[in-house]
Amino acid sequence: MKRLLFPLLALSTIILASCTSNPNKIGTQKVSETQKQREVCLDWYGYRIDTNKAINDLNLKIETESELMAYCDFFKNVADTK
């Protein structure tokens, strides 16, 4: 009985581990892009980069600082996800 119990326990552990360690790559990509946008906006708010560079880094089709501010307002109070 002990000879059968150990292999079954080991096999079930391996199967369980393989099923639970499958990360969602699509979700990870979205978080990564959102984090990048947040960091660019925070750099712009902190005057570390200028308005044109922030617009280019974010690939936005806007031209004015007020439009960029409206876009970046979302990221101002978002919690850090690192």
Protein backbone atom coordinates (compact mmCIF):
# COMPACT_ATOMS: atom_id res chain seq x y z
CA MET A 1 0.00 0.00 0.00
CA LYS A 2 2.86 2.42 0.85
CA ARG A 3 4.50 1.69 -2.50
CA LEU A 4 1.38 2.83 -4.31
CA LEU A 5 0.60 5.82 -2.09
CA PHE A 6 3.87 7.72 -2.61
CA PRO A 7 3.82 7.66 -6.45
CA LEU A 8 0.16 8.71 -6.49
CA LEU A 9 0.86 11.56 -4.09
CA ALA A 10 3.85 12.72 -6.14
CA LEU A 11 1.90 12.51 -9.40
CA SER A 12 -1.05 14.45 -8.01
CA THR A 13 1.31 17.14 -6.68
CA ILE A 14 2.94 17.52 -10.10
CA ILE A 15 -0.41 17.74 -11.87
CA LEU A 16 -1.72 20.28 -9.38
CA ALA A 17 1.42 22.41 -9.67
CA SER A 18 1.30 22.41 -13.48
CA CYS A 19 -2.33 23.50 -13.51
CA THR A 20 -1.87 26.39 -11.09
CA SER A 21 1.34 27.87 -12.53
CA ASN A 22 -0.07 28.97 -15.89
CA PRO A 23 0.19 32.79 -15.95
CA ASN A 24 -2.12 34.88 -18.08
CA LYS A 25 0.23 36.57 -20.56
CA ILE A 26 -2.48 38.85 -21.98
CA GLY A 27 -3.32 40.25 -18.55
CA THR A 28 0.36 40.72 -17.79
CA GLN A 29 0.88 42.65 -21.02
CA LYS A 30 -2.00 45.02 -20.22
CA VAL A 31 -0.67 45.72 -16.75
CA SER A 32 2.77 46.36 -18.18
CA GLU A 33 1.45 48.86 -20.75
CA THR A 34 -0.70 50.59 -18.13
CA GLN A 35 2.29 50.81 -15.81
CA LYS A 36 4.36 52.38 -18.60
CA GLN A 37 1.64 54.97 -19.27
CA ARG A 38 1.40 55.75 -15.57
CA GLU A 39 5.15 56.25 -15.24
CA VAL A 40 5.26 58.59 -18.26
CA CYS A 41 2.40 60.65 -16.82
CA LEU A 42 4.05 60.83 -13.41
CA ASP A 43 7.35 61.86 -15.01
CA TRP A 44 5.49 64.61 -16.88
CA TYR A 45 3.70 65.75 -13.72
CA GLY A 46 7.06 65.88 -11.93
CA TYR A 47 8.57 68.02 -14.74
CA ARG A 48 11.12 65.31 -15.55
CA ILE A 49 10.03 65.22 -19.21
CA ASP A 50 8.45 67.90 -21.39
CA THR A 51 4.96 67.84 -22.87
CA ASN A 52 5.98 66.86 -26.41
CA LYS A 53 8.08 63.93 -25.20
CA ALA A 54 5.23 62.68 -22.99
CA ILE A 55 2.78 62.88 -25.91
CA ASN A 56 5.22 60.99 -28.15
CA ASP A 57 5.99 58.34 -25.51
CA LEU A 58 2.27 57.73 -24.96
CA ASN A 59 1.54 57.63 -28.74
CA LEU A 60 -1.31 60.11 -28.33
CA LYS A 61 -2.93 62.11 -31.13
CA ILE A 62 -3.25 65.26 -29.05
CA GLU A 63 -1.36 68.52 -29.28
CA THR A 64 -1.94 70.61 -26.17
CA GLU A 65 -0.82 70.39 -22.60
CA SER A 66 -4.42 70.59 -21.36
CA GLU A 67 -5.37 67.50 -23.38
CA LEU A 68 -2.39 65.63 -21.94
CA MET A 69 -3.42 66.72 -18.45
CA ALA A 70 -6.93 65.34 -19.04
CA TYR A 71 -5.42 62.03 -20.19
CA CYS A 72 -2.97 61.80 -17.28
CA ASP A 73 -5.53 62.71 -14.60
CA PHE A 74 -6.52 59.04 -14.52
CA PHE A 75 -3.03 58.01 -13.42
CA LYS A 76 -2.57 60.69 -10.78
CA ASN A 77 -4.33 58.77 -8.00
CA VAL A 78 -3.84 55.18 -9.19
CA ALA A 79 -2.02 53.00 -6.67
CA ASP A 80 1.44 51.79 -7.53
CA THR A 81 1.22 48.24 -8.94
CA LYS A 82 4.89 47.27 -8.73
